[in-house]
Amino acid sequence: MRRVGLGVLFFAWLYGVPFLFVVGLVRRVSSPYVPTHAAARAFGSTTETLLTTAVVLNLALPIVGALLARLARDNYWIRHFAWSPAGVVLIYLVVALAGSLATGPLFSWTPPVGLGAG
């Protein structure tokens, strides 16, 4: 059973974290139609939550997985989690590159409402 748990943890990091980043980045650079200021703030808040969750999980899941694999003395998953720090750095670099190519800041920024319309 512990092998299944470690596998779920590993694949949640390997596929789930990049998925959260992609969804968050797509939402961040999109301009959805929202009828009210409150709806726009809710959309931005959800986007911020997705990106923050992805950042935290990208660091936490490999560390927790490596510790649990070592505690379980499961060499198969120890080998899988051994290279995960390189994957963590790679994911952060890709997100940083995407952030540098974006038209505005990706985290913790809300555009002003009603200013400078023309």
PDB file of N, CA and C in Angstrom:
ATOM      1  N   MET A   1       0.819  -1.201   0.000  1.00  0.00           N
ATOM      2  CA  MET A   1       0.000   0.000   0.000  1.00  0.00           C
ATOM      3  C   MET A   1       0.861   1.263   0.000  1.00  0.00           C
ATOM      4  N   ARG A   2       2.006   1.222   0.686  1.00  0.00           N
ATOM      5  CA  ARG A   2       2.838   2.419   0.743  1.00  0.00           C
ATOM      6  C   ARG A   2       3.437   2.746  -0.625  1.00  0.00           C
ATOM      7  N   ARG A   3       3.655   1.702  -1.445  1.00  0.00           N
ATOM      8  CA  ARG A   3       4.166   1.969  -2.794  1.00  0.00           C
ATOM      9  C   ARG A   3       3.153   2.761  -3.601  1.00  0.00           C
ATOM     10  N   VAL A   4       1.892   2.440  -3.425  1.00  0.00           N
ATOM     11  CA  VAL A   4       0.846   3.165  -4.140  1.00  0.00           C
ATOM     12  C   VAL A   4       0.805   4.616  -3.657  1.00  0.00           C
ATOM     13  N   GLY A   5       0.903   4.815  -2.353  1.00  0.00           N
ATOM     14  CA  GLY A   5       0.890   6.175  -1.801  1.00  0.00           C
ATOM     15  C   GLY A   5       2.054   7.007  -2.295  1.00  0.00           C
ATOM     16  N   LEU A   6       3.241   6.418  -2.335  1.00  0.00           N
ATOM     17  CA  LEU A   6       4.410   7.139  -2.834  1.00  0.00           C
ATOM     18  C   LEU A   6       4.276   7.424  -4.329  1.00  0.00           C
ATOM     19  N   GLY A   7       3.681   6.487  -5.055  1.00  0.00           N
ATOM     20  CA  GLY A   7       3.450   6.712  -6.479  1.00  0.00           C
ATOM     21  C   GLY A   7       2.474   7.849  -6.727  1.00  0.00           C
ATOM     22  N   VAL A   8       1.406   7.891  -5.939  1.00  0.00           N
ATOM     23  CA  VAL A   8       0.433   8.978  -6.067  1.00  0.00           C
ATOM     24  C   VAL A   8       1.104  10.313  -5.764  1.00  0.00           C
ATOM     25  N   LEU A   9       1.927  10.338  -4.723  1.00  0.00           N
ATOM     26  CA  LEU A   9       2.643  11.560  -4.358  1.00  0.00           C
ATOM     27  C   LEU A   9       3.579  12.008  -5.479  1.00  0.00           C
ATOM     28  N   PHE A  10       4.311  11.060  -6.038  1.00  0.00           N
ATOM     29  CA  PHE A  10       5.265  11.375  -7.099  1.00  0.00           C
ATOM     30  C   PHE A  10       4.553  11.894  -8.349  1.00  0.00           C
ATOM     31  N   PHE A  11       3.515  11.196  -8.781  1.00  0.00           N
ATOM     32  CA  PHE A  11       2.831  11.604 -10.003  1.00  0.00           C
ATOM     33  C   PHE A  11       1.966  12.845  -9.798  1.00  0.00           C
ATOM     34  N   ALA A  12       1.510  13.085  -8.571  1.00  0.00           N
ATOM     35  CA  ALA A  12       0.823  14.352  -8.284  1.00  0.00           C
ATOM     36  C   ALA A  12       1.788  15.513  -8.470  1.00  0.00           C
ATOM     37  N   TRP A  13       3.042  15.319  -8.052  1.00  0.00           N
ATOM     38  CA  TRP A  13       4.042  16.364  -8.263  1.00  0.00           C
ATOM     39  C   TRP A  13       4.414  16.478  -9.745  1.00  0.00           C
ATOM     40  N   LEU A  14       4.655  15.338 -10.375  1.00  0.00           N
ATOM     41  CA  LEU A  14       5.166  15.333 -11.744  1.00  0.00           C
ATOM     42  C   LEU A  14       4.163  15.896 -12.753  1.00  0.00           C
ATOM     43  N   TYR A  15       2.882  15.607 -12.555  1.00  0.00           N
ATOM     44  CA  TYR A  15       1.865  16.057 -13.507  1.00  0.00           C
ATOM     45  C   TYR A  15       0.929  17.118 -12.927  1.00  0.00           C
ATOM     46  N   GLY A  16       0.628  17.030 -11.648  1.00  0.00           N
ATOM     47  CA  GLY A  16      -0.320  17.959 -11.040  1.00  0.00           C
ATOM     48  C   GLY A  16       0.213  19.370 -10.901  1.00  0.00           C
ATOM     49  N   VAL A  17       1.462  19.498 -10.465  1.00  0.00           N
ATOM     50  CA  VAL A  17       2.044  20.828 -10.271  1.00  0.00           C
ATOM     51  C   VAL A  17       2.178  21.580 -11.601  1.00  0.00           C
ATOM     52  N   PRO A  18       2.732  20.972 -12.641  1.00  0.00           N
ATOM     53  CA  PRO A  18       2.761  21.707 -13.918  1.00  0.00           C
ATOM     54  C   PRO A  18       1.361  22.060 -14.432  1.00  0.00           C
ATOM     55  N   PHE A  19       0.389  21.186 -14.189  1.00  0.00           N
ATOM     56  CA  PHE A  19      -0.984  21.492 -14.596  1.00  0.00           C
ATOM     57  C   PHE A  19      -1.493  22.736 -13.875  1.00  0.00           C
ATOM     58  N   LEU A  20      -1.253  22.815 -12.557  1.00  0.00           N
ATOM     59  CA  LEU A  20      -1.677  23.998 -11.807  1.00  0.00           C
ATOM     60  C   LEU A  20      -0.983  25.254 -12.317  1.00  0.00           C
ATOM     61  N   PHE A  21       0.313  25.136 -12.620  1.00  0.00           N
ATOM     62  CA  PHE A  21       1.034  26.287 -13.164  1.00  0.00           C
ATOM     63  C   PHE A  21       0.455  26.722 -14.509  1.00  0.00           C
ATOM     64  N   VAL A  22       0.191  25.776 -15.382  1.00  0.00           N
ATOM     65  CA  VAL A  22      -0.340  26.121 -16.707  1.00  0.00           C
ATOM     66  C   VAL A  22      -1.710  26.781 -16.579  1.00  0.00           C
ATOM     67  N   VAL A  23      -2.576  26.206 -15.768  1.00  0.00           N
ATOM     68  CA  VAL A  23      -3.909  26.793 -15.585  1.00  0.00           C
ATOM     69  C   VAL A  23      -3.789  28.191 -14.988  1.00  0.00           C
ATOM     70  N   GLY A  24      -2.940  28.343 -13.977  1.00  0.00           N
ATOM     71  CA  GLY A  24      -2.756  29.657 -13.363  1.00  0.00           C
ATOM     72  C   GLY A  24      -2.185  30.679 -14.323  1.00  0.00           C
ATOM     73  N   LEU A  25      -1.193  30.264 -15.116  1.00  0.00           N
ATOM     74  CA  LEU A  25      -0.587  31.197 -16.068  1.00  0.00           C
ATOM     75  C   LEU A  25      -1.552  31.573 -17.187  1.00  0.00           C
ATOM     76  N   VAL A  26      -2.333  30.615 -17.656  1.00  0.00           N
ATOM     77  CA  VAL A  26      -3.328  30.920 -18.692  1.00  0.00           C
ATOM     78  C   VAL A  26      -4.372  31.888 -18.145  1.00  0.00           C
ATOM     79  N   ARG A  27      -4.822  31.640 -16.931  1.00  0.00           N
ATOM     80  CA  ARG A  27      -5.794  32.549 -16.322  1.00  0.00           C
ATOM     81  C   ARG A  27      -5.185  33.930 -16.108  1.00  0.00           C
ATOM     82  N   ARG A  28      -3.898  33.975 -15.755  1.00  0.00           N
ATOM     83  CA  ARG A  28      -3.248  35.251 -15.456  1.00  0.00           C
ATOM     84  C   ARG A  28      -3.105  36.130 -16.694  1.00  0.00           C
ATOM     85  N   VAL A  29      -2.829  35.534 -17.819  1.00  0.00           N
ATOM     86  CA  VAL A  29      -2.614  36.344 -19.021  1.00  0.00           C
ATOM     87  C   VAL A  29      -3.884  36.512 -19.855  1.00  0.00           C
ATOM     88  N   SER A  30      -4.977  35.862 -19.456  1.00  0.00           N
ATOM     89  CA  SER A  30      -6.222  36.002 -20.211  1.00  0.00           C
ATOM     90  C   SER A  30      -6.986  37.240 -19.744  1.00  0.00           C
ATOM     91  N   SER A  31      -7.888  37.680 -20.564  1.00  0.00           N
ATOM     92  CA  SER A  31      -8.742  38.826 -20.239  1.00  0.00           C
ATOM     93  C   SER A  31     -10.199  38.386 -20.313  1.00  0.00           C
ATOM     94  N   PRO A  32     -10.682  37.689 -19.297  1.00  0.00           N
ATOM     95  CA  PRO A  32     -12.060  37.206 -19.353  1.00  0.00           C
ATOM     96  C   PRO A  32     -13.050  38.357 -19.142  1.00  0.00           C
ATOM     97  N   TYR A  33     -14.214  38.188 -19.695  1.00  0.00           N
ATOM     98  CA  TYR A  33     -15.261  39.177 -19.459  1.00  0.00           C
ATOM     99  C   TYR A  33     -15.887  38.884 -18.107  1.00  0.00           C
ATOM    100  N   VAL A  34     -15.818  39.831 -17.225  1.00  0.00           N
ATOM    101  CA  VAL A  34     -16.505  39.718 -15.937  1.00  0.00           C
ATOM    102  C   VAL A  34     -17.337  40.986 -15.760  1.00  0.00           C
ATOM    103  N   PRO A  35     -18.597  40.839 -15.410  1.00  0.00           N
ATOM    104  CA  PRO A  35     -19.505  41.989 -15.403  1.00  0.00           C
ATOM    105  C   PRO A  35     -19.290  42.981 -14.257  1.00  0.00           C
ATOM    106  N   THR A  36     -18.689  42.548 -13.164  1.00  0.00           N
ATOM    107  CA  THR A  36     -18.553  43.450 -12.016  1.00  0.00           C
ATOM    108  C   THR A  36     -17.120  43.455 -11.500  1.00  0.00           C
ATOM    109  N   HIS A  37     -16.835  44.482 -10.728  1.00  0.00           N
ATOM    110  CA  HIS A  37     -15.521  44.585 -10.096  1.00  0.00           C
ATOM    111  C   HIS A  37     -15.298  43.420  -9.124  1.00  0.00           C
ATOM    112  N   ALA A  38     -16.340  43.037  -8.396  1.00  0.00           N
ATOM    113  CA  ALA A  38     -16.223  41.922  -7.445  1.00  0.00           C
ATOM    114  C   ALA A  38     -15.908  40.615  -8.167  1.00  0.00           C
ATOM    115  N   ALA A  39     -16.516  40.406  -9.326  1.00  0.00           N
ATOM    116  CA  ALA A  39     -16.235  39.192 -10.095  1.00  0.00           C
ATOM    117  C   ALA A  39     -14.799  39.197 -10.606  1.00  0.00           C
ATOM    118  N   ALA A  40     -14.306  40.363 -11.000  1.00  0.00           N
ATOM    119  CA  ALA A  40     -12.916  40.464 -11.451  1.00  0.00           C
ATOM    120  C   ALA A  40     -11.953  40.172 -10.305  1.00  0.00           C
ATOM    121  N   ARG A  41     -12.254  40.678  -9.122  1.00  0.00           N
ATOM    122  CA  ARG A  41     -11.398  40.405  -7.962  1.00  0.00           C
ATOM    123  C   ARG A  41     -11.446  38.921  -7.596  1.00  0.00           C
ATOM    124  N   ALA A  42     -12.617  38.296  -7.701  1.00  0.00           N
ATOM    125  CA  ALA A  42     -12.730  36.865  -7.410  1.00  0.00           C
ATOM    126  C   ALA A  42     -11.940  36.045  -8.419  1.00  0.00           C
ATOM    127  N   PHE A  43     -11.993  36.439  -9.690  1.00  0.00           N
ATOM    128  CA  PHE A  43     -11.218  35.748 -10.726  1.00  0.00           C
ATOM    129  C   PHE A  43      -9.723  35.867 -10.428  1.00  0.00           C
ATOM    130  N   GLY A  44      -9.277  37.062 -10.091  1.00  0.00           N
ATOM    131  CA  GLY A  44      -7.866  37.276  -9.758  1.00  0.00           C
ATOM    132  C   GLY A  44      -7.448  36.527  -8.508  1.00  0.00           C
ATOM    133  N   SER A  45      -8.329  36.468  -7.527  1.00  0.00           N
ATOM    134  CA  SER A  45      -8.022  35.749  -6.293  1.00  0.00           C
ATOM    135  C   SER A  45      -7.868  34.253  -6.548  1.00  0.00           C
ATOM    136  N   THR A  46      -8.737  33.698  -7.380  1.00  0.00           N
ATOM    137  CA  THR A  46      -8.632  32.280  -7.728  1.00  0.00           C
ATOM    138  C   THR A  46      -7.337  32.002  -8.482  1.00  0.00           C
ATOM    139  N   THR A  47      -6.990  32.890  -9.397  1.00  0.00           N
ATOM    140  CA  THR A  47      -5.748  32.736 -10.153  1.00  0.00           C
ATOM    141  C   THR A  47      -4.544  32.783  -9.223  1.00  0.00           C
ATOM    142  N   GLU A  48      -4.544  33.731  -8.301  1.00  0.00           N
ATOM    143  CA  GLU A  48      -3.450  33.851  -7.326  1.00  0.00           C
ATOM    144  C   GLU A  48      -3.353  32.591  -6.467  1.00  0.00           C
ATOM    145  N   THR A  49      -4.488  32.043  -6.065  1.00  0.00           N
ATOM    146  CA  THR A  49      -4.495  30.817  -5.268  1.00  0.00           C
ATOM    147  C   THR A  49      -3.915  29.645  -6.049  1.00  0.00           C
ATOM    148  N   LEU A  50      -4.267  29.520  -7.314  1.00  0.00           N
ATOM    149  CA  LEU A  50      -3.716  28.442  -8.147  1.00  0.00           C
ATOM    150  C   LEU A  50      -2.198  28.547  -8.254  1.00  0.00           C
ATOM    151  N   LEU A  51      -1.697  29.739  -8.528  1.00  0.00           N
ATOM    152  CA  LEU A  51      -0.254  29.915  -8.689  1.00  0.00           C
ATOM    153  C   LEU A  51       0.493  29.712  -7.372  1.00  0.00           C
ATOM    154  N   THR A  52      -0.051  30.222  -6.277  1.00  0.00           N
ATOM    155  CA  THR A  52       0.592  30.044  -4.975  1.00  0.00           C
ATOM    156  C   THR A  52       0.596  28.577  -4.564  1.00  0.00           C
ATOM    157  N   THR A  53      -0.508  27.887  -4.793  1.00  0.00           N
ATOM    158  CA  THR A  53      -0.578  26.457  -4.482  1.00  0.00           C
ATOM    159  C   THR A  53       0.443  25.677  -5.295  1.00  0.00           C
ATOM    160  N   ALA A  54       0.586  26.008  -6.558  1.00  0.00           N
ATOM    161  CA  ALA A  54       1.568  25.323  -7.405  1.00  0.00           C
ATOM    162  C   ALA A  54       2.987  25.554  -6.909  1.00  0.00           C
ATOM    163  N   VAL A  55       3.303  26.777  -6.494  1.00  0.00           N
ATOM    164  CA  VAL A  55       4.646  27.081  -5.978  1.00  0.00           C
ATOM    165  C   VAL A  55       4.929  26.271  -4.718  1.00  0.00           C
ATOM    166  N   VAL A  56       3.973  26.249  -3.805  1.00  0.00           N
ATOM    167  CA  VAL A  56       4.166  25.529  -2.536  1.00  0.00           C
ATOM    168  C   VAL A  56       4.260  24.024  -2.771  1.00  0.00           C
ATOM    169  N   LEU A  57       3.357  23.475  -3.575  1.00  0.00           N
ATOM    170  CA  LEU A  57       3.377  22.031  -3.832  1.00  0.00           C
ATOM    171  C   LEU A  57       4.613  21.601  -4.604  1.00  0.00           C
ATOM    172  N   ASN A  58       5.132  22.462  -5.465  1.00  0.00           N
ATOM    173  CA  ASN A  58       6.339  22.122  -6.212  1.00  0.00           C
ATOM    174  C   ASN A  58       7.517  21.894  -5.276  1.00  0.00           C
ATOM    175  N   LEU A  59       7.555  22.606  -4.182  1.00  0.00           N
ATOM    176  CA  LEU A  59       8.633  22.406  -3.220  1.00  0.00           C
ATOM    177  C   LEU A  59       8.295  21.311  -2.210  1.00  0.00           C
ATOM    178  N   ALA A  60       7.053  21.272  -1.747  1.00  0.00           N
ATOM    179  CA  ALA A  60       6.691  20.377  -0.650  1.00  0.00           C
ATOM    180  C   ALA A  60       6.563  18.909  -1.059  1.00  0.00           C
ATOM    181  N   LEU A  61       5.934  18.621  -2.180  1.00  0.00           N
ATOM    182  CA  LEU A  61       5.684  17.223  -2.547  1.00  0.00           C
ATOM    183  C   LEU A  61       6.962  16.405  -2.737  1.00  0.00           C
ATOM    184  N   PRO A  62       7.979  16.896  -3.427  1.00  0.00           N
ATOM    185  CA  PRO A  62       9.204  16.095  -3.549  1.00  0.00           C
ATOM    186  C   PRO A  62       9.916  15.884  -2.213  1.00  0.00           C
ATOM    187  N   ILE A  63       9.899  16.893  -1.351  1.00  0.00           N
ATOM    188  CA  ILE A  63      10.553  16.750  -0.044  1.00  0.00           C
ATOM    189  C   ILE A  63       9.820  15.712   0.795  1.00  0.00           C
ATOM    190  N   VAL A  64       8.502  15.824   0.855  1.00  0.00           N
ATOM    191  CA  VAL A  64       7.708  14.856   1.625  1.00  0.00           C
ATOM    192  C   VAL A  64       7.864  13.457   1.039  1.00  0.00           C
ATOM    193  N   GLY A  65       7.824  13.347  -0.281  1.00  0.00           N
ATOM    194  CA  GLY A  65       7.986  12.042  -0.923  1.00  0.00           C
ATOM    195  C   GLY A  65       9.339  11.416  -0.640  1.00  0.00           C
ATOM    196  N   ALA A  66      10.400  12.214  -0.705  1.00  0.00           N
ATOM    197  CA  ALA A  66      11.739  11.688  -0.424  1.00  0.00           C
ATOM    198  C   ALA A  66      11.853  11.236   1.029  1.00  0.00           C
ATOM    199  N   LEU A  67      11.296  12.011   1.941  1.00  0.00           N
ATOM    200  CA  LEU A  67      11.338  11.624   3.358  1.00  0.00           C
ATOM    201  C   LEU A  67      10.536  10.351   3.615  1.00  0.00           C
ATOM    202  N   LEU A  68       9.340  10.266   3.051  1.00  0.00           N
ATOM    203  CA  LEU A  68       8.521   9.066   3.257  1.00  0.00           C
ATOM    204  C   LEU A  68       9.145   7.833   2.608  1.00  0.00           C
ATOM    205  N   ALA A  69       9.744   7.996   1.441  1.00  0.00           N
ATOM    206  CA  ALA A  69      10.406   6.865   0.785  1.00  0.00           C
ATOM    207  C   ALA A  69      11.591   6.385   1.613  1.00  0.00           C
ATOM    208  N   ARG A  70      12.325   7.326   2.187  1.00  0.00           N
ATOM    209  CA  ARG A  70      13.462   6.942   3.028  1.00  0.00           C
ATOM    210  C   ARG A  70      12.984   6.261   4.312  1.00  0.00           C
ATOM    211  N   LEU A  71      11.923   6.792   4.907  1.00  0.00           N
ATOM    212  CA  LEU A  71      11.379   6.171   6.120  1.00  0.00           C
ATOM    213  C   LEU A  71      10.840   4.772   5.839  1.00  0.00           C
ATOM    214  N   ALA A  72      10.262   4.582   4.667  1.00  0.00           N
ATOM    215  CA  ALA A  72       9.728   3.273   4.290  1.00  0.00           C
ATOM    216  C   ALA A  72      10.817   2.336   3.774  1.00  0.00           C
ATOM    217  N   ARG A  73      12.020   2.871   3.576  1.00  0.00           N
ATOM    218  CA  ARG A  73      13.158   2.105   3.036  1.00  0.00           C
ATOM    219  C   ARG A  73      12.794   1.457   1.690  1.00  0.00           C
ATOM    220  N   ASP A  74      12.119   2.228   0.872  1.00  0.00           N
ATOM    221  CA  ASP A  74      11.693   1.754  -0.438  1.00  0.00           C
ATOM    222  C   ASP A  74      12.659   2.298  -1.489  1.00  0.00           C
ATOM    223  N   ASN A  75      13.608   1.465  -1.893  1.00  0.00           N
ATOM    224  CA  ASN A  75      14.659   1.908  -2.816  1.00  0.00           C
ATOM    225  C   ASN A  75      14.110   2.350  -4.168  1.00  0.00           C
ATOM    226  N   TYR A  76      13.033   1.725  -4.600  1.00  0.00           N
ATOM    227  CA  TYR A  76      12.438   2.098  -5.882  1.00  0.00           C
ATOM    228  C   TYR A  76      12.038   3.568  -5.876  1.00  0.00           C
ATOM    229  N   TRP A  77      11.321   4.008  -4.843  1.00  0.00           N
ATOM    230  CA  TRP A  77      10.864   5.394  -4.787  1.00  0.00           C
ATOM    231  C   TRP A  77      11.957   6.331  -4.314  1.00  0.00           C
ATOM    232  N   ILE A  78      12.910   5.844  -3.567  1.00  0.00           N
ATOM    233  CA  ILE A  78      14.062   6.689  -3.214  1.00  0.00           C
ATOM    234  C   ILE A  78      14.780   7.114  -4.485  1.00  0.00           C
ATOM    235  N   ARG A  79      14.964   6.172  -5.420  1.00  0.00           N
ATOM    236  CA  ARG A  79      15.608   6.511  -6.697  1.00  0.00           C
ATOM    237  C   ARG A  79      14.760   7.510  -7.490  1.00  0.00           C
ATOM    238  N   HIS A  80      13.446   7.336  -7.474  1.00  0.00           N
ATOM    239  CA  HIS A  80      12.579   8.255  -8.217  1.00  0.00           C
ATOM    240  C   HIS A  80      12.614   9.665  -7.621  1.00  0.00           C
ATOM    241  N   PHE A  81      12.587   9.744  -6.300  1.00  0.00           N
ATOM    242  CA  PHE A  81      12.590  11.056  -5.664  1.00  0.00           C
ATOM    243  C   PHE A  81      13.986  11.667  -5.591  1.00  0.00           C
ATOM    244  N   ALA A  82      15.026  10.901  -5.873  1.00  0.00           N
ATOM    245  CA  ALA A  82      16.396  11.425  -5.788  1.00  0.00           C
ATOM    246  C   ALA A  82      16.643  12.519  -6.820  1.00  0.00           C
ATOM    247  N   TRP A  83      16.036  12.413  -7.981  1.00  0.00           N
ATOM    248  CA  TRP A  83      16.241  13.430  -9.012  1.00  0.00           C
ATOM    249  C   TRP A  83      15.215  14.551  -8.951  1.00  0.00           C
ATOM    250  N   SER A  84      14.277  14.469  -8.038  1.00  0.00           N
ATOM    251  CA  SER A  84      13.213  15.476  -7.993  1.00  0.00           C
ATOM    252  C   SER A  84      13.701  16.899  -7.691  1.00  0.00           C
ATOM    253  N   PRO A  85      14.795  17.115  -6.931  1.00  0.00           N
ATOM    254  CA  PRO A  85      15.257  18.511  -6.780  1.00  0.00           C
ATOM    255  C   PRO A  85      15.598  19.173  -8.121  1.00  0.00           C
ATOM    256  N   ALA A  86      16.141  18.409  -9.044  1.00  0.00           N
ATOM    257  CA  ALA A  86      16.415  18.966 -10.374  1.00  0.00           C
ATOM    258  C   ALA A  86      15.107  19.318 -11.078  1.00  0.00           C
ATOM    259  N   GLY A  87      14.093  18.493 -10.903  1.00  0.00           N
ATOM    260  CA  GLY A  87      12.787  18.784 -11.490  1.00  0.00           C
ATOM    261  C   GLY A  87      12.142  20.014 -10.876  1.00  0.00           C
ATOM    262  N   VAL A  88      12.321  20.178  -9.566  1.00  0.00           N
ATOM    263  CA  VAL A  88      11.789  21.363  -8.885  1.00  0.00           C
ATOM    264  C   VAL A  88      12.407  22.627  -9.481  1.00  0.00           C
ATOM    265  N   VAL A  89      13.729  22.615  -9.616  1.00  0.00           N
ATOM    266  CA  VAL A  89      14.427  23.779 -10.178  1.00  0.00           C
ATOM    267  C   VAL A  89      13.992  24.011 -11.626  1.00  0.00           C
ATOM    268  N   LEU A  90      13.864  22.946 -12.380  1.00  0.00           N
ATOM    269  CA  LEU A  90      13.451  23.076 -13.782  1.00  0.00           C
ATOM    270  C   LEU A  90      12.057  23.693 -13.894  1.00  0.00           C
ATOM    271  N   ILE A  91      11.133  23.245 -13.062  1.00  0.00           N
ATOM    272  CA  ILE A  91       9.775  23.800 -13.092  1.00  0.00           C
ATOM    273  C   ILE A  91       9.802  25.277 -12.719  1.00  0.00           C
ATOM    274  N   TYR A  92      10.575  25.638 -11.680  1.00  0.00           N
ATOM    275  CA  TYR A  92      10.670  27.048 -11.298  1.00  0.00           C
ATOM    276  C   TYR A  92      11.288  27.888 -12.418  1.00  0.00           C
ATOM    277  N   LEU A  93      12.299  27.347 -13.108  1.00  0.00           N
ATOM    278  CA  LEU A  93      12.917  28.091 -14.211  1.00  0.00           C
ATOM    279  C   LEU A  93      11.942  28.305 -15.363  1.00  0.00           C
ATOM    280  N   VAL A  94      11.164  27.288 -15.680  1.00  0.00           N
ATOM    281  CA  VAL A  94      10.177  27.421 -16.760  1.00  0.00           C
ATOM    282  C   VAL A  94       9.126  28.468 -16.397  1.00  0.00           C
ATOM    283  N   VAL A  95       8.667  28.459 -15.153  1.00  0.00           N
ATOM    284  CA  VAL A  95       7.671  29.447 -14.724  1.00  0.00           C
ATOM    285  C   VAL A  95       8.284  30.847 -14.716  1.00  0.00           C
ATOM    286  N   ALA A  96       9.543  30.961 -14.290  1.00  0.00           N
ATOM    287  CA  ALA A  96      10.209  32.266 -14.309  1.00  0.00           C
ATOM    288  C   ALA A  96      10.361  32.777 -15.740  1.00  0.00           C
ATOM    289  N   LEU A  97      10.688  31.885 -16.658  1.00  0.00           N
ATOM    290  CA  LEU A  97      10.794  32.273 -18.064  1.00  0.00           C
ATOM    291  C   LEU A  97       9.442  32.730 -18.602  1.00  0.00           C
ATOM    292  N   ALA A  98       8.401  31.990 -18.266  1.00  0.00           N
ATOM    293  CA  ALA A  98       7.057  32.388 -18.697  1.00  0.00           C
ATOM    294  C   ALA A  98       6.683  33.731 -18.086  1.00  0.00           C
ATOM    295  N   GLY A  99       7.081  33.945 -16.846  1.00  0.00           N
ATOM    296  CA  GLY A  99       6.801  35.222 -16.193  1.00  0.00           C
ATOM    297  C   GLY A  99       7.534  36.376 -16.833  1.00  0.00           C
ATOM    298  N   SER A 100       8.753  36.139 -17.289  1.00  0.00           N
ATOM    299  CA  SER A 100       9.508  37.219 -17.928  1.00  0.00           C
ATOM    300  C   SER A 100       8.959  37.543 -19.319  1.00  0.00           C
ATOM    301  N   LEU A 101       8.292  36.597 -19.943  1.00  0.00           N
ATOM    302  CA  LEU A 101       7.706  36.830 -21.262  1.00  0.00           C
ATOM    303  C   LEU A 101       6.299  37.411 -21.188  1.00  0.00           C
ATOM    304  N   ALA A 102       5.712  37.396 -20.001  1.00  0.00           N
ATOM    305  CA  ALA A 102       4.345  37.891 -19.841  1.00  0.00           C
ATOM    306  C   ALA A 102       4.319  39.413 -19.965  1.00  0.00           C
ATOM    307  N   THR A 103       3.153  39.937 -20.209  1.00  0.00           N
ATOM    308  CA  THR A 103       3.009  41.378 -20.376  1.00  0.00           C
ATOM    309  C   THR A 103       2.921  42.124 -19.057  1.00  0.00           C
ATOM    310  N   GLY A 104       2.719  41.408 -17.965  1.00  0.00           N
ATOM    311  CA  GLY A 104       2.626  42.033 -16.651  1.00  0.00           C
ATOM    312  C   GLY A 104       3.092  41.067 -15.591  1.00  0.00           C
ATOM    313  N   PRO A 105       3.186  41.517 -14.347  1.00  0.00           N
ATOM    314  CA  PRO A 105       3.597  40.626 -13.258  1.00  0.00           C
ATOM    315  C   PRO A 105       2.617  39.462 -13.098  1.00  0.00           C
ATOM    316  N   LEU A 106       3.134  38.310 -12.697  1.00  0.00           N
ATOM    317  CA  LEU A 106       2.278  37.133 -12.581  1.00  0.00           C
ATOM    318  C   LEU A 106       1.700  36.955 -11.187  1.00  0.00           C
ATOM    319  N   PHE A 107       2.392  37.422 -10.173  1.00  0.00           N
ATOM    320  CA  PHE A 107       1.952  37.173  -8.809  1.00  0.00           C
ATOM    321  C   PHE A 107       1.641  38.487  -8.098  1.00  0.00           C
ATOM    322  N   SER A 108       0.610  38.468  -7.285  1.00  0.00           N
ATOM    323  CA  SER A 108       0.265  39.553  -6.361  1.00  0.00           C
ATOM    324  C   SER A 108       0.179  40.914  -7.027  1.00  0.00           C
ATOM    325  N   TRP A 109      -0.541  40.986  -8.097  1.00  0.00           N
ATOM    326  CA  TRP A 109      -0.723  42.265  -8.776  1.00  0.00           C
ATOM    327  C   TRP A 109      -2.142  42.335  -9.291  1.00  0.00           C
ATOM    328  N   THR A 110      -2.813  43.409  -8.967  1.00  0.00           N
ATOM    329  CA  THR A 110      -4.165  43.639  -9.456  1.00  0.00           C
ATOM    330  C   THR A 110      -4.150  44.932 -10.255  1.00  0.00           C
ATOM    331  N   PRO A 111      -4.596  44.895 -11.498  1.00  0.00           N
ATOM    332  CA  PRO A 111      -4.579  46.125 -12.290  1.00  0.00           C
ATOM    333  C   PRO A 111      -5.524  47.161 -11.702  1.00  0.00           C
ATOM    334  N   PRO A 112      -5.164  48.434 -11.800  1.00  0.00           N
ATOM    335  CA  PRO A 112      -6.054  49.476 -11.286  1.00  0.00           C
ATOM    336  C   PRO A 112      -7.347  49.520 -12.095  1.00  0.00           C
ATOM    337  N   VAL A 113      -8.420  49.822 -11.406  1.00  0.00           N
ATOM    338  CA  VAL A 113      -9.729  49.855 -12.052  1.00  0.00           C
ATOM    339  C   VAL A 113     -10.124  51.305 -12.292  1.00  0.00           C
ATOM    340  N   GLY A 114     -10.485  51.613 -13.529  1.00  0.00           N
ATOM    341  CA  GLY A 114     -11.015  52.928 -13.845  1.00  0.00           C
ATOM    342  C   GLY A 114      -9.987  54.036 -13.966  1.00  0.00           C
ATOM    343  N   LEU A 115      -8.709  53.706 -14.022  1.00  0.00           N
ATOM    344  CA  LEU A 115      -7.684  54.737 -14.139  1.00  0.00           C
ATOM    345  C   LEU A 115      -7.127  54.769 -15.551  1.00  0.00           C
ATOM    346  N   GLY A 116      -6.871  55.933 -16.060  1.00  0.00           N
ATOM    347  CA  GLY A 116      -6.175  56.095 -17.329  1.00  0.00           C
ATOM    348  C   GLY A 116      -6.887  55.491 -18.514  1.00  0.00           C
ATOM    349  N   ALA A 117      -8.163  55.691 -18.636  1.00  0.00           N
ATOM    350  CA  ALA A 117      -8.910  55.082 -19.734  1.00  0.00           C
ATOM    351  C   ALA A 117      -8.603  55.728 -21.080  1.00  0.00           C
ATOM    352  N   GLY A 118      -7.859  56.781 -21.079  1.00  0.00           N
ATOM    353  CA  GLY A 118      -7.637  57.252 -22.401  1.00  0.00           C
ATOM    354  C   GLY A 118      -6.919  58.503 -22.540  1.00  0.00           C
TER     355      GLY A 118
END
